[in-house]
Amino acid sequence: MIPTETIIIAGPTGAGKTDLSLRLAEALGGEIVGADAFQIYRGIPVLTAQPSAGEQAKIPHHLVGSVDPSEAYDAGRYRREAVPILEAIVARGKCPIVVGGTGLYVKALLGGLNELPSSNPKLRQRWERLSLSELIMRLSELDADAPGMIDLANRRRVERALEIVLLTGKPLAASRTGASP
């Protein structure tokens, strides 16, 4: 569970989250914890609209520009890294401010996620030669309800759903209930 003192600012790109978080952090003596699936990566600050070096120097930032772009990073890892950071901020007598536009990261903090298998590169490589239609057909054969639960135009989501069904041996719906914090 995250500390009750945590403030969460979430919303779409360009909504003013960074500016608000900086003003709040300054007023409350806070530290900022990023919750953005792109800003987490280092070396691409302009592309991901990371807070400027000056902004980061003024207010401590965590989980912003901290992961090499070649590394796999998901919401489960985010939660495992973010919760201890939030607790440490509170232990220092500061206010943790989570800010970002990745709803899944915020959901991971607030309600937890089911433990799901890691991505399987061998399966993914095998699927490279299949069309999106073929992947959807395969998913439908394994779990007739799964296609109605995901964006079928998004190949990555179709692959992930297929991966979850194959690796867990359970319908996709089973991975979406009973999340553990």
C-alpha atoms as a PDB file:
ATOM      1  CA  MET A   1       0.000   0.000   0.000  1.00  0.00           C
ATOM      2  CA  ILE A   2       1.208   3.503  -0.726  1.00  0.00           C
ATOM      3  CA  PRO A   3       1.547   6.078   2.063  1.00  0.00           C
ATOM      4  CA  THR A   4      -1.663   8.014   2.726  1.00  0.00           C
ATOM      5  CA  GLU A   5       0.285  11.276   2.419  1.00  0.00           C
ATOM      6  CA  THR A   6       0.809  10.654  -1.302  1.00  0.00           C
ATOM      7  CA  ILE A   7      -0.652  13.154  -3.758  1.00  0.00           C
ATOM      8  CA  ILE A   8      -1.366  11.850  -7.255  1.00  0.00           C
ATOM      9  CA  ILE A   9      -1.593  14.104 -10.301  1.00  0.00           C
ATOM     10  CA  ALA A  10      -2.628  12.260 -13.451  1.00  0.00           C
ATOM     11  CA  GLY A  11      -3.962  13.326 -16.794  1.00  0.00           C
ATOM     12  CA  PRO A  12      -3.300  13.649 -20.499  1.00  0.00           C
ATOM     13  CA  THR A  13      -0.228  15.140 -22.126  1.00  0.00           C
ATOM     14  CA  GLY A  14      -0.192  18.921 -22.061  1.00  0.00           C
ATOM     15  CA  ALA A  15      -2.631  19.266 -19.164  1.00  0.00           C
ATOM     16  CA  GLY A  16      -0.128  21.069 -16.922  1.00  0.00           C
ATOM     17  CA  LYS A  17       0.742  18.190 -14.599  1.00  0.00           C
ATOM     18  CA  THR A  18       4.446  19.051 -14.401  1.00  0.00           C
ATOM     19  CA  ASP A  19       3.863  22.707 -13.554  1.00  0.00           C
ATOM     20  CA  LEU A  20       1.272  21.834 -10.909  1.00  0.00           C
ATOM     21  CA  SER A  21       3.513  19.174  -9.372  1.00  0.00           C
ATOM     22  CA  LEU A  22       6.446  21.591  -9.163  1.00  0.00           C
ATOM     23  CA  ARG A  23       4.325  24.269  -7.491  1.00  0.00           C
ATOM     24  CA  LEU A  24       2.875  21.749  -5.027  1.00  0.00           C
ATOM     25  CA  ALA A  25       6.281  20.278  -4.241  1.00  0.00           C
ATOM     26  CA  GLU A  26       7.660  23.733  -3.559  1.00  0.00           C
ATOM     27  CA  ALA A  27       4.700  24.758  -1.388  1.00  0.00           C
ATOM     28  CA  LEU A  28       4.489  21.482   0.558  1.00  0.00           C
ATOM     29  CA  GLY A  29       8.138  20.492   0.712  1.00  0.00           C
ATOM     30  CA  GLY A  30       7.551  17.561  -1.570  1.00  0.00           C
ATOM     31  CA  GLU A  31       9.427  15.277  -3.896  1.00  0.00           C
ATOM     32  CA  ILE A  32       8.151  14.148  -7.278  1.00  0.00           C
ATOM     33  CA  VAL A  33       7.816  10.531  -8.367  1.00  0.00           C
ATOM     34  CA  GLY A  34       7.223  10.074 -12.083  1.00  0.00           C
ATOM     35  CA  ALA A  35       4.434   7.811 -13.306  1.00  0.00           C
ATOM     36  CA  ASP A  36       5.022   8.028 -17.029  1.00  0.00           C
ATOM     37  CA  ALA A  37       5.877   5.039 -19.199  1.00  0.00           C
ATOM     38  CA  PHE A  38       8.092   7.158 -21.448  1.00  0.00           C
ATOM     39  CA  GLN A  39       9.636   9.679 -19.064  1.00  0.00           C
ATOM     40  CA  ILE A  40      11.052   6.771 -17.054  1.00  0.00           C
ATOM     41  CA  TYR A  41      13.654   6.285 -19.802  1.00  0.00           C
ATOM     42  CA  ARG A  42      16.908   8.216 -19.783  1.00  0.00           C
ATOM     43  CA  GLY A  43      18.525   9.905 -22.723  1.00  0.00           C
ATOM     44  CA  ILE A  44      15.341  11.053 -24.454  1.00  0.00           C
ATOM     45  CA  PRO A  45      14.133  14.044 -22.379  1.00  0.00           C
ATOM     46  CA  VAL A  46      12.814  16.153 -25.248  1.00  0.00           C
ATOM     47  CA  LEU A  47      10.994  13.285 -26.924  1.00  0.00           C
ATOM     48  CA  THR A  48       9.282  12.329 -23.649  1.00  0.00           C
ATOM     49  CA  ALA A  49       8.722  15.887 -22.339  1.00  0.00           C
ATOM     50  CA  GLN A  50      10.619  15.172 -19.133  1.00  0.00           C
ATOM     51  CA  PRO A  51      10.916  18.009 -16.627  1.00  0.00           C
ATOM     52  CA  SER A  52      13.942  20.154 -17.465  1.00  0.00           C
ATOM     53  CA  ALA A  53      17.292  19.676 -15.754  1.00  0.00           C
ATOM     54  CA  GLY A  54      16.642  22.941 -13.897  1.00  0.00           C
ATOM     55  CA  GLU A  55      13.257  21.747 -12.667  1.00  0.00           C
ATOM     56  CA  GLN A  56      14.746  18.447 -11.555  1.00  0.00           C
ATOM     57  CA  ALA A  57      17.587  20.252  -9.766  1.00  0.00           C
ATOM     58  CA  LYS A  58      15.118  22.461  -7.903  1.00  0.00           C
ATOM     59  CA  ILE A  59      12.829  19.642  -6.701  1.00  0.00           C
ATOM     60  CA  PRO A  60      13.993  16.032  -6.210  1.00  0.00           C
ATOM     61  CA  HIS A  61      12.579  13.738  -8.901  1.00  0.00           C
ATOM     62  CA  HIS A  62      12.428   9.946  -8.833  1.00  0.00           C
ATOM     63  CA  LEU A  63      11.694   7.480 -11.644  1.00  0.00           C
ATOM     64  CA  VAL A  64      12.299  10.120 -14.303  1.00  0.00           C
ATOM     65  CA  GLY A  65      15.088   9.378 -16.767  1.00  0.00           C
ATOM     66  CA  SER A  66      16.210   6.472 -14.617  1.00  0.00           C
ATOM     67  CA  VAL A  67      15.919   3.434 -16.896  1.00  0.00           C
ATOM     68  CA  ASP A  68      17.983   2.571 -19.948  1.00  0.00           C
ATOM     69  CA  PRO A  69      15.769   2.503 -23.064  1.00  0.00           C
ATOM     70  CA  SER A  70      17.009  -1.005 -23.883  1.00  0.00           C
ATOM     71  CA  GLU A  71      15.484  -2.383 -20.651  1.00  0.00           C
ATOM     72  CA  ALA A  72      12.013  -3.853 -20.444  1.00  0.00           C
ATOM     73  CA  TYR A  73       9.879  -1.929 -17.970  1.00  0.00           C
ATOM     74  CA  ASP A  74       6.302  -2.618 -16.951  1.00  0.00           C
ATOM     75  CA  ALA A  75       3.714  -1.567 -14.390  1.00  0.00           C
ATOM     76  CA  GLY A  76       4.666  -4.356 -12.004  1.00  0.00           C
ATOM     77  CA  ARG A  77       8.279  -3.242 -11.911  1.00  0.00           C
ATOM     78  CA  TYR A  78       7.117   0.352 -11.560  1.00  0.00           C
ATOM     79  CA  ARG A  79       5.106  -0.534  -8.446  1.00  0.00           C
ATOM     80  CA  ARG A  80       7.983  -2.519  -6.937  1.00  0.00           C
ATOM     81  CA  GLU A  81      10.285   0.478  -7.384  1.00  0.00           C
ATOM     82  CA  ALA A  82       7.839   3.297  -6.622  1.00  0.00           C
ATOM     83  CA  VAL A  83       6.378   2.101  -3.307  1.00  0.00           C
ATOM     84  CA  PRO A  84       9.721   2.047  -1.425  1.00  0.00           C
ATOM     85  CA  ILE A  85      10.557   5.468  -2.879  1.00  0.00           C
ATOM     86  CA  LEU A  86       7.229   6.879  -1.649  1.00  0.00           C
ATOM     87  CA  GLU A  87       7.821   5.377   1.794  1.00  0.00           C
ATOM     88  CA  ALA A  88      11.339   6.839   1.937  1.00  0.00           C
ATOM     89  CA  ILE A  89      10.045  10.297   1.005  1.00  0.00           C
ATOM     90  CA  VAL A  90       7.523  10.166   3.860  1.00  0.00           C
ATOM     91  CA  ALA A  91      10.230   8.887   6.228  1.00  0.00           C
ATOM     92  CA  ARG A  92      12.252  12.021   5.371  1.00  0.00           C
ATOM     93  CA  GLY A  93       9.260  14.136   6.404  1.00  0.00           C
ATOM     94  CA  LYS A  94       8.467  15.142   2.833  1.00  0.00           C
ATOM     95  CA  CYS A  95       5.293  14.900   0.766  1.00  0.00           C
ATOM     96  CA  PRO A  96       5.403  12.391  -2.117  1.00  0.00           C
ATOM     97  CA  ILE A  97       3.800  13.683  -5.309  1.00  0.00           C
ATOM     98  CA  VAL A  98       3.190  11.106  -8.030  1.00  0.00           C
ATOM     99  CA  VAL A  99       2.776  12.719 -11.434  1.00  0.00           C
ATOM    100  CA  GLY A 100       2.265  11.271 -14.878  1.00  0.00           C
ATOM    101  CA  GLY A 101       0.003  10.229 -17.651  1.00  0.00           C
ATOM    102  CA  THR A 102       0.332   6.470 -17.523  1.00  0.00           C
ATOM    103  CA  GLY A 103      -2.906   5.280 -15.972  1.00  0.00           C
ATOM    104  CA  LEU A 104      -1.665   1.726 -15.606  1.00  0.00           C
ATOM    105  CA  TYR A 105       1.219   2.899 -13.408  1.00  0.00           C
ATOM    106  CA  VAL A 106      -1.190   4.855 -11.213  1.00  0.00           C
ATOM    107  CA  LYS A 107      -3.521   1.859 -11.075  1.00  0.00           C
ATOM    108  CA  ALA A 108      -0.593  -0.324 -10.041  1.00  0.00           C
ATOM    109  CA  LEU A 109       0.062   2.022  -7.124  1.00  0.00           C
ATOM    110  CA  LEU A 110      -3.545   2.380  -6.028  1.00  0.00           C
ATOM    111  CA  GLY A 111      -4.960  -1.077  -6.415  1.00  0.00           C
ATOM    112  CA  GLY A 112      -2.189  -3.352  -7.374  1.00  0.00           C
ATOM    113  CA  LEU A 113      -2.047  -5.646 -10.336  1.00  0.00           C
ATOM    114  CA  ASN A 114      -2.336  -9.354 -10.778  1.00  0.00           C
ATOM    115  CA  GLU A 115       0.957 -11.150 -11.046  1.00  0.00           C
ATOM    116  CA  LEU A 116       1.336 -11.955 -14.715  1.00  0.00           C
ATOM    117  CA  PRO A 117       4.052 -13.836 -16.535  1.00  0.00           C
ATOM    118  CA  SER A 118       6.884 -11.808 -17.991  1.00  0.00           C
ATOM    119  CA  SER A 119       7.017 -11.278 -21.703  1.00  0.00           C
ATOM    120  CA  ASN A 120       8.336 -14.298 -23.584  1.00  0.00           C
ATOM    121  CA  PRO A 121      10.765 -13.254 -26.344  1.00  0.00           C
ATOM    122  CA  LYS A 122      10.648 -16.687 -28.015  1.00  0.00           C
ATOM    123  CA  LEU A 123       6.875 -16.508 -28.422  1.00  0.00           C
ATOM    124  CA  ARG A 124       7.064 -12.916 -29.618  1.00  0.00           C
ATOM    125  CA  GLN A 125       9.714 -13.826 -32.179  1.00  0.00           C
ATOM    126  CA  ARG A 126       7.569 -16.678 -33.489  1.00  0.00           C
ATOM    127  CA  TRP A 127       4.629 -14.297 -33.878  1.00  0.00           C
ATOM    128  CA  GLU A 128       6.601 -11.782 -35.954  1.00  0.00           C
ATOM    129  CA  ARG A 129       5.822 -13.738 -39.103  1.00  0.00           C
ATOM    130  CA  LEU A 130       2.084 -13.915 -38.360  1.00  0.00           C
ATOM    131  CA  SER A 131      -0.374 -11.256 -39.422  1.00  0.00           C
ATOM    132  CA  LEU A 132      -2.523  -9.461 -36.872  1.00  0.00           C
ATOM    133  CA  SER A 133      -5.543 -11.396 -38.188  1.00  0.00           C
ATOM    134  CA  GLU A 134      -3.750 -14.697 -37.614  1.00  0.00           C
ATOM    135  CA  LEU A 135      -2.860 -13.674 -34.053  1.00  0.00           C
ATOM    136  CA  ILE A 136      -6.466 -12.719 -33.341  1.00  0.00           C
ATOM    137  CA  MET A 137      -7.676 -16.037 -34.758  1.00  0.00           C
ATOM    138  CA  ARG A 138      -5.216 -17.941 -32.548  1.00  0.00           C
ATOM    139  CA  LEU A 139      -6.308 -15.952 -29.489  1.00  0.00           C
ATOM    140  CA  SER A 140      -9.967 -16.664 -30.306  1.00  0.00           C
ATOM    141  CA  GLU A 141      -9.245 -20.393 -30.541  1.00  0.00           C
ATOM    142  CA  LEU A 142      -7.668 -20.400 -27.081  1.00  0.00           C
ATOM    143  CA  ASP A 143     -10.067 -17.986 -25.381  1.00  0.00           C
ATOM    144  CA  ALA A 144     -13.262 -17.031 -27.184  1.00  0.00           C
ATOM    145  CA  ASP A 145     -13.924 -14.100 -24.816  1.00  0.00           C
ATOM    146  CA  ALA A 146     -10.460 -12.519 -24.969  1.00  0.00           C
ATOM    147  CA  PRO A 147     -10.883 -10.637 -28.274  1.00  0.00           C
ATOM    148  CA  GLY A 148     -13.798  -8.703 -26.776  1.00  0.00           C
ATOM    149  CA  MET A 149     -11.605  -7.523 -23.912  1.00  0.00           C
ATOM    150  CA  ILE A 150      -8.779  -5.852 -25.833  1.00  0.00           C
ATOM    151  CA  ASP A 151      -8.093  -3.392 -28.634  1.00  0.00           C
ATOM    152  CA  LEU A 152      -7.833  -5.707 -31.628  1.00  0.00           C
ATOM    153  CA  ALA A 153      -6.212  -2.995 -33.737  1.00  0.00           C
ATOM    154  CA  ASN A 154      -3.260  -2.906 -31.332  1.00  0.00           C
ATOM    155  CA  ARG A 155      -0.915  -5.754 -32.246  1.00  0.00           C
ATOM    156  CA  ARG A 156       1.053  -5.394 -29.021  1.00  0.00           C
ATOM    157  CA  ARG A 157      -2.082  -5.862 -26.915  1.00  0.00           C
ATOM    158  CA  VAL A 158      -3.168  -8.863 -28.961  1.00  0.00           C
ATOM    159  CA  GLU A 159       0.273 -10.435 -28.525  1.00  0.00           C
ATOM    160  CA  ARG A 160       0.239  -9.755 -24.781  1.00  0.00           C
ATOM    161  CA  ALA A 161      -3.239 -11.254 -24.387  1.00  0.00           C
ATOM    162  CA  LEU A 162      -2.174 -14.332 -26.322  1.00  0.00           C
ATOM    163  CA  GLU A 163       0.976 -14.569 -24.235  1.00  0.00           C
ATOM    164  CA  ILE A 164      -0.973 -14.378 -20.958  1.00  0.00           C
ATOM    165  CA  VAL A 165      -3.454 -17.043 -22.067  1.00  0.00           C
ATOM    166  CA  LEU A 166      -0.707 -19.388 -23.269  1.00  0.00           C
ATOM    167  CA  LEU A 167       1.636 -18.930 -20.310  1.00  0.00           C
ATOM    168  CA  THR A 168      -0.994 -19.058 -17.555  1.00  0.00           C
ATOM    169  CA  GLY A 169      -3.238 -21.659 -19.159  1.00  0.00           C
ATOM    170  CA  LYS A 170      -6.196 -19.539 -18.046  1.00  0.00           C
ATOM    171  CA  PRO A 171      -8.639 -17.240 -19.833  1.00  0.00           C
ATOM    172  CA  LEU A 172      -7.628 -13.590 -20.078  1.00  0.00           C
ATOM    173  CA  ALA A 173     -10.505 -12.604 -17.774  1.00  0.00           C
ATOM    174  CA  ALA A 174      -8.826 -14.524 -14.936  1.00  0.00           C
ATOM    175  CA  SER A 175      -5.868 -12.141 -15.129  1.00  0.00           C
ATOM    176  CA  ARG A 176      -8.107  -9.132 -14.649  1.00  0.00           C
ATOM    177  CA  THR A 177      -9.784 -10.052 -11.383  1.00  0.00           C
ATOM    178  CA  GLY A 178      -8.592 -10.318  -7.827  1.00  0.00           C
ATOM    179  CA  ALA A 179      -5.610  -7.993  -8.181  1.00  0.00           C
ATOM    180  CA  SER A 180      -3.206  -8.230  -5.305  1.00  0.00           C
ATOM    181  CA  PRO A 181      -1.844  -4.950  -3.930  1.00  0.00           C
END
